[in-house]
Amino acid sequence: MKKKQIHKNDGGLTERCLEIINIRLYDAADRRKIADLFERTAQGAADARFILFRNAEMEGDWSIHIWRPFFSHEETKSPEALCLSELLREIGLVHHVIWLPASGGPNIA
């Protein structure tokens, strides 16, 4: 299976990465704030796909997954996700990571 690549108008080759923002709310009643911040951020990001998850067992645990393009020389978090992480820190503990595509090896498509 060949890895799907995305071409930008400027001729630069990009792939997709996954940014994950996990938050544990200080107060579970703040769940509406997460949804509001999520919706505002997702609407402003044209090339990214945002998905909001809630933990099935822990009421105050949420996860935001952002599937977006990145250039191979760019291994940084997106400005939208960084802004969202900072806003979420006001209402809970935040863990923000970026996952890049693995390359090479026989088991990796």
N, C-alpha and C. Protein backbone atom coordinates (compact mmCIF):
# COMPACT_ATOMS: atom_id res chain seq x y z
N MET A 1 0.84 -1.18 0.00
CA MET A 1 0.00 0.00 0.00
C MET A 1 0.88 1.24 0.00
N LYS A 2 0.63 2.15 -0.91
CA LYS A 2 1.41 3.36 -1.04
C LYS A 2 0.91 4.45 -0.11
N LYS A 3 1.83 5.20 0.47
CA LYS A 3 1.47 6.30 1.36
C LYS A 3 0.88 7.43 0.55
N LYS A 4 -0.26 7.96 0.97
CA LYS A 4 -0.90 9.06 0.27
C LYS A 4 -0.14 10.35 0.56
N GLN A 5 0.16 11.10 -0.49
CA GLN A 5 0.85 12.36 -0.34
C GLN A 5 -0.04 13.48 -0.87
N ILE A 6 0.16 14.64 -0.32
CA ILE A 6 -0.64 15.80 -0.69
C ILE A 6 0.30 16.82 -1.32
N HIS A 7 -0.09 17.41 -2.44
CA HIS A 7 0.72 18.41 -3.10
C HIS A 7 0.08 19.78 -2.91
N LYS A 8 0.87 20.73 -2.48
CA LYS A 8 0.39 22.10 -2.35
C LYS A 8 0.61 22.85 -3.65
N ASN A 9 -0.07 23.96 -3.80
CA ASN A 9 0.02 24.76 -5.01
C ASN A 9 1.43 25.25 -5.31
N ASP A 10 2.24 25.46 -4.29
CA ASP A 10 3.58 25.98 -4.51
C ASP A 10 4.57 24.88 -4.92
N GLY A 11 4.07 23.66 -5.12
CA GLY A 11 4.92 22.57 -5.56
C GLY A 11 5.58 21.82 -4.42
N GLY A 12 5.45 22.30 -3.18
CA GLY A 12 6.05 21.62 -2.06
C GLY A 12 5.27 20.36 -1.70
N LEU A 13 5.96 19.32 -1.32
CA LEU A 13 5.34 18.06 -0.98
C LEU A 13 5.01 18.03 0.51
N THR A 14 3.79 17.67 0.84
CA THR A 14 3.39 17.58 2.24
C THR A 14 2.80 16.20 2.51
N GLU A 15 2.78 15.85 3.78
CA GLU A 15 2.10 14.65 4.25
C GLU A 15 1.11 15.12 5.32
N ARG A 16 0.52 14.17 6.02
CA ARG A 16 -0.41 14.53 7.08
C ARG A 16 0.17 14.07 8.41
N CYS A 17 -0.12 14.84 9.45
CA CYS A 17 0.29 14.48 10.80
C CYS A 17 -0.94 14.53 11.69
N LEU A 18 -0.79 14.01 12.88
CA LEU A 18 -1.87 13.99 13.86
C LEU A 18 -1.42 14.75 15.10
N GLU A 19 -2.16 15.79 15.45
CA GLU A 19 -1.93 16.49 16.71
C GLU A 19 -3.01 16.05 17.68
N ILE A 20 -2.62 15.76 18.90
CA ILE A 20 -3.58 15.34 19.91
C ILE A 20 -3.45 16.25 21.13
N ILE A 21 -4.59 16.79 21.53
CA ILE A 21 -4.66 17.60 22.74
C ILE A 21 -5.58 16.88 23.71
N ASN A 22 -5.02 16.39 24.80
CA ASN A 22 -5.81 15.74 25.85
C ASN A 22 -5.99 16.74 26.98
N ILE A 23 -7.19 16.76 27.55
CA ILE A 23 -7.47 17.65 28.68
C ILE A 23 -8.26 16.92 29.75
N ARG A 24 -7.85 17.11 30.98
CA ARG A 24 -8.60 16.64 32.15
C ARG A 24 -9.11 17.89 32.86
N LEU A 25 -10.41 18.08 32.82
CA LEU A 25 -11.03 19.27 33.38
C LEU A 25 -10.85 19.35 34.89
N TYR A 26 -10.63 20.55 35.39
CA TYR A 26 -10.64 20.77 36.84
C TYR A 26 -12.06 20.57 37.36
N ASP A 27 -13.04 21.00 36.57
CA ASP A 27 -14.46 20.88 36.92
C ASP A 27 -15.19 20.29 35.72
N ALA A 28 -15.77 19.11 35.88
CA ALA A 28 -16.45 18.42 34.77
C ALA A 28 -17.58 19.25 34.17
N ALA A 29 -18.09 20.21 34.92
CA ALA A 29 -19.17 21.07 34.41
C ALA A 29 -18.69 22.01 33.31
N ASP A 30 -17.38 22.12 33.10
CA ASP A 30 -16.83 22.99 32.06
C ASP A 30 -16.83 22.35 30.67
N ARG A 31 -17.52 21.24 30.51
CA ARG A 31 -17.51 20.54 29.22
C ARG A 31 -18.05 21.39 28.08
N ARG A 32 -18.97 22.31 28.36
CA ARG A 32 -19.50 23.19 27.32
C ARG A 32 -18.41 24.14 26.80
N LYS A 33 -17.50 24.54 27.69
CA LYS A 33 -16.41 25.42 27.28
C LYS A 33 -15.50 24.71 26.27
N ILE A 34 -15.26 23.43 26.48
CA ILE A 34 -14.45 22.67 25.53
C ILE A 34 -15.12 22.65 24.16
N ALA A 35 -16.39 22.36 24.14
CA ALA A 35 -17.12 22.29 22.87
C ALA A 35 -17.09 23.65 22.16
N ASP A 36 -17.26 24.73 22.89
CA ASP A 36 -17.23 26.07 22.28
C ASP A 36 -15.85 26.39 21.70
N LEU A 37 -14.80 26.16 22.48
CA LEU A 37 -13.44 26.43 22.00
C LEU A 37 -13.10 25.54 20.81
N PHE A 38 -13.50 24.28 20.88
CA PHE A 38 -13.27 23.33 19.79
C PHE A 38 -13.93 23.83 18.50
N GLU A 39 -15.20 24.20 18.58
CA GLU A 39 -15.93 24.65 17.39
C GLU A 39 -15.32 25.91 16.78
N ARG A 40 -14.97 26.86 17.61
CA ARG A 40 -14.37 28.10 17.09
C ARG A 40 -13.04 27.83 16.40
N THR A 41 -12.22 26.97 17.00
CA THR A 41 -10.91 26.67 16.41
C THR A 41 -11.06 25.86 15.13
N ALA A 42 -11.93 24.87 15.13
CA ALA A 42 -12.11 24.01 13.96
C ALA A 42 -12.63 24.80 12.76
N GLN A 43 -13.48 25.75 12.99
CA GLN A 43 -14.03 26.56 11.90
C GLN A 43 -12.97 27.43 11.24
N GLY A 44 -11.95 27.80 11.97
CA GLY A 44 -10.91 28.68 11.44
C GLY A 44 -9.77 27.97 10.74
N ALA A 45 -9.76 26.66 10.74
CA ALA A 45 -8.65 25.90 10.14
C ALA A 45 -9.14 25.20 8.87
N ALA A 46 -8.76 25.71 7.74
CA ALA A 46 -9.28 25.22 6.46
C ALA A 46 -8.77 23.84 6.07
N ASP A 47 -7.49 23.57 6.25
CA ASP A 47 -6.90 22.31 5.76
C ASP A 47 -6.88 21.19 6.79
N ALA A 48 -7.40 21.43 7.98
CA ALA A 48 -7.31 20.43 9.05
C ALA A 48 -8.68 19.83 9.34
N ARG A 49 -8.64 18.59 9.83
CA ARG A 49 -9.87 17.93 10.27
C ARG A 49 -9.79 17.78 11.79
N PHE A 50 -10.75 18.34 12.50
CA PHE A 50 -10.80 18.31 13.95
C PHE A 50 -11.86 17.30 14.39
N ILE A 51 -11.51 16.49 15.39
CA ILE A 51 -12.46 15.52 15.96
C ILE A 51 -12.37 15.63 17.48
N LEU A 52 -13.52 15.73 18.13
CA LEU A 52 -13.58 15.85 19.58
C LEU A 52 -14.07 14.52 20.16
N PHE A 53 -13.31 14.00 21.13
CA PHE A 53 -13.66 12.75 21.80
C PHE A 53 -13.86 13.02 23.29
N ARG A 54 -14.71 12.23 23.91
CA ARG A 54 -14.84 12.26 25.37
C ARG A 54 -14.55 10.85 25.89
N ASN A 55 -14.01 10.79 27.07
CA ASN A 55 -13.68 9.50 27.68
C ASN A 55 -14.97 8.83 28.15
N ALA A 56 -15.14 7.57 27.81
CA ALA A 56 -16.36 6.83 28.16
C ALA A 56 -16.46 6.56 29.66
N GLU A 57 -15.34 6.57 30.36
CA GLU A 57 -15.35 6.21 31.78
C GLU A 57 -15.07 7.37 32.72
N MET A 58 -14.42 8.42 32.21
CA MET A 58 -14.04 9.55 33.07
C MET A 58 -14.68 10.81 32.51
N GLU A 59 -15.67 11.34 33.23
CA GLU A 59 -16.49 12.44 32.74
C GLU A 59 -15.70 13.69 32.34
N GLY A 60 -14.62 13.98 33.00
CA GLY A 60 -13.88 15.20 32.73
C GLY A 60 -12.71 15.06 31.79
N ASP A 61 -12.55 13.90 31.15
CA ASP A 61 -11.43 13.68 30.22
C ASP A 61 -11.89 13.80 28.78
N TRP A 62 -11.17 14.63 28.01
CA TRP A 62 -11.50 14.90 26.61
C TRP A 62 -10.24 14.80 25.77
N SER A 63 -10.41 14.56 24.48
CA SER A 63 -9.29 14.49 23.56
C SER A 63 -9.70 15.12 22.23
N ILE A 64 -8.85 15.99 21.74
CA ILE A 64 -9.07 16.64 20.45
C ILE A 64 -8.00 16.13 19.50
N HIS A 65 -8.43 15.58 18.37
CA HIS A 65 -7.50 15.07 17.37
C HIS A 65 -7.58 15.97 16.15
N ILE A 66 -6.42 16.38 15.69
CA ILE A 66 -6.34 17.29 14.53
C ILE A 66 -5.49 16.61 13.47
N TRP A 67 -6.12 16.26 12.37
CA TRP A 67 -5.46 15.60 11.24
C TRP A 67 -5.20 16.68 10.21
N ARG A 68 -3.91 17.00 9.98
CA ARG A 68 -3.61 18.15 9.15
C ARG A 68 -2.35 17.91 8.31
N PRO A 69 -2.19 18.70 7.25
CA PRO A 69 -0.97 18.60 6.44
C PRO A 69 0.22 19.19 7.18
N PHE A 70 1.39 18.70 6.83
CA PHE A 70 2.63 19.31 7.31
C PHE A 70 3.71 19.08 6.27
N PHE A 71 4.67 19.98 6.23
CA PHE A 71 5.82 19.81 5.35
C PHE A 71 6.85 18.95 6.07
N SER A 72 7.58 18.13 5.34
CA SER A 72 8.52 17.20 5.96
C SER A 72 9.59 17.93 6.79
N HIS A 73 9.91 19.17 6.48
CA HIS A 73 10.90 19.91 7.26
C HIS A 73 10.28 20.60 8.48
N GLU A 74 8.97 20.52 8.63
CA GLU A 74 8.24 21.22 9.69
C GLU A 74 7.71 20.21 10.70
N GLU A 75 8.36 20.11 11.83
CA GLU A 75 7.92 19.15 12.86
C GLU A 75 7.44 19.91 14.09
N THR A 76 6.56 20.88 13.86
CA THR A 76 6.09 21.71 14.95
C THR A 76 4.57 21.63 15.07
N LYS A 77 4.10 22.03 16.21
CA LYS A 77 2.66 22.08 16.47
C LYS A 77 2.06 23.26 15.70
N SER A 78 0.82 23.11 15.28
CA SER A 78 0.17 24.16 14.50
C SER A 78 -0.19 25.35 15.39
N PRO A 79 -0.23 26.54 14.81
CA PRO A 79 -0.60 27.73 15.59
C PRO A 79 -2.01 27.61 16.18
N GLU A 80 -2.95 27.03 15.41
CA GLU A 80 -4.32 26.87 15.91
C GLU A 80 -4.36 25.96 17.14
N ALA A 81 -3.62 24.84 17.07
CA ALA A 81 -3.61 23.90 18.19
C ALA A 81 -2.88 24.49 19.40
N LEU A 82 -1.82 25.24 19.17
CA LEU A 82 -1.12 25.88 20.28
C LEU A 82 -2.02 26.88 20.99
N CYS A 83 -2.75 27.65 20.22
CA CYS A 83 -3.69 28.63 20.81
C CYS A 83 -4.78 27.91 21.59
N LEU A 84 -5.34 26.86 21.01
CA LEU A 84 -6.39 26.08 21.68
C LEU A 84 -5.86 25.48 22.98
N SER A 85 -4.65 24.93 22.96
CA SER A 85 -4.05 24.34 24.16
C SER A 85 -3.93 25.37 25.28
N GLU A 86 -3.47 26.56 24.93
CA GLU A 86 -3.32 27.62 25.93
C GLU A 86 -4.67 28.01 26.54
N LEU A 87 -5.69 28.11 25.72
CA LEU A 87 -7.02 28.44 26.23
C LEU A 87 -7.56 27.33 27.14
N LEU A 88 -7.30 26.09 26.77
CA LEU A 88 -7.79 24.96 27.57
C LEU A 88 -7.07 24.84 28.91
N ARG A 89 -5.83 25.33 28.99
CA ARG A 89 -5.08 25.27 30.26
C ARG A 89 -5.77 26.06 31.38
N GLU A 90 -6.65 26.96 31.01
CA GLU A 90 -7.39 27.73 32.01
C GLU A 90 -8.46 26.89 32.71
N ILE A 91 -8.87 25.78 32.08
CA ILE A 91 -9.95 24.97 32.65
C ILE A 91 -9.54 23.53 32.95
N GLY A 92 -8.27 23.18 32.70
CA GLY A 92 -7.85 21.82 32.99
C GLY A 92 -6.38 21.57 32.71
N LEU A 93 -5.97 20.33 32.98
CA LEU A 93 -4.61 19.89 32.70
C LEU A 93 -4.55 19.46 31.24
N VAL A 94 -3.55 19.96 30.50
CA VAL A 94 -3.47 19.73 29.07
C VAL A 94 -2.18 19.02 28.71
N HIS A 95 -2.30 18.06 27.80
CA HIS A 95 -1.14 17.38 27.22
C HIS A 95 -1.29 17.48 25.71
N HIS A 96 -0.33 18.11 25.04
CA HIS A 96 -0.41 18.39 23.60
C HIS A 96 0.80 17.75 22.91
N VAL A 97 0.54 16.84 21.97
CA VAL A 97 1.62 16.16 21.25
C VAL A 97 1.32 16.16 19.75
N ILE A 98 2.37 15.98 18.98
CA ILE A 98 2.23 15.84 17.53
C ILE A 98 2.83 14.50 17.12
N TRP A 99 2.10 13.78 16.28
CA TRP A 99 2.52 12.48 15.77
C TRP A 99 2.80 12.61 14.28
N LEU A 100 4.01 12.22 13.90
CA LEU A 100 4.42 12.28 12.50
C LEU A 100 4.36 10.89 11.88
N PRO A 101 4.18 10.81 10.57
CA PRO A 101 4.14 9.49 9.92
C PRO A 101 5.47 8.77 10.09
N ALA A 102 5.39 7.49 10.36
CA ALA A 102 6.60 6.66 10.43
C ALA A 102 7.00 6.31 9.01
N SER A 103 8.28 6.13 8.78
CA SER A 103 8.72 5.75 7.44
C SER A 103 9.71 4.62 7.54
N GLY A 104 9.67 3.76 6.55
CA GLY A 104 10.58 2.63 6.51
C GLY A 104 10.04 1.44 7.27
N GLY A 105 10.73 0.33 7.14
CA GLY A 105 10.33 -0.90 7.83
C GLY A 105 9.29 -1.67 7.05
N PRO A 106 9.27 -2.99 7.19
CA PRO A 106 8.39 -3.82 6.40
C PRO A 106 6.91 -3.75 6.79
N ASN A 107 6.58 -3.31 8.02
CA ASN A 107 5.19 -3.32 8.48
C ASN A 107 4.52 -1.95 8.36
N ILE A 108 5.19 -1.01 7.75
CA ILE A 108 4.65 0.34 7.67
C ILE A 108 4.25 0.63 6.24
N ALA A 109 2.99 1.01 6.07
CA ALA A 109 2.49 1.30 4.72
C ALA A 109 2.88 2.68 4.28
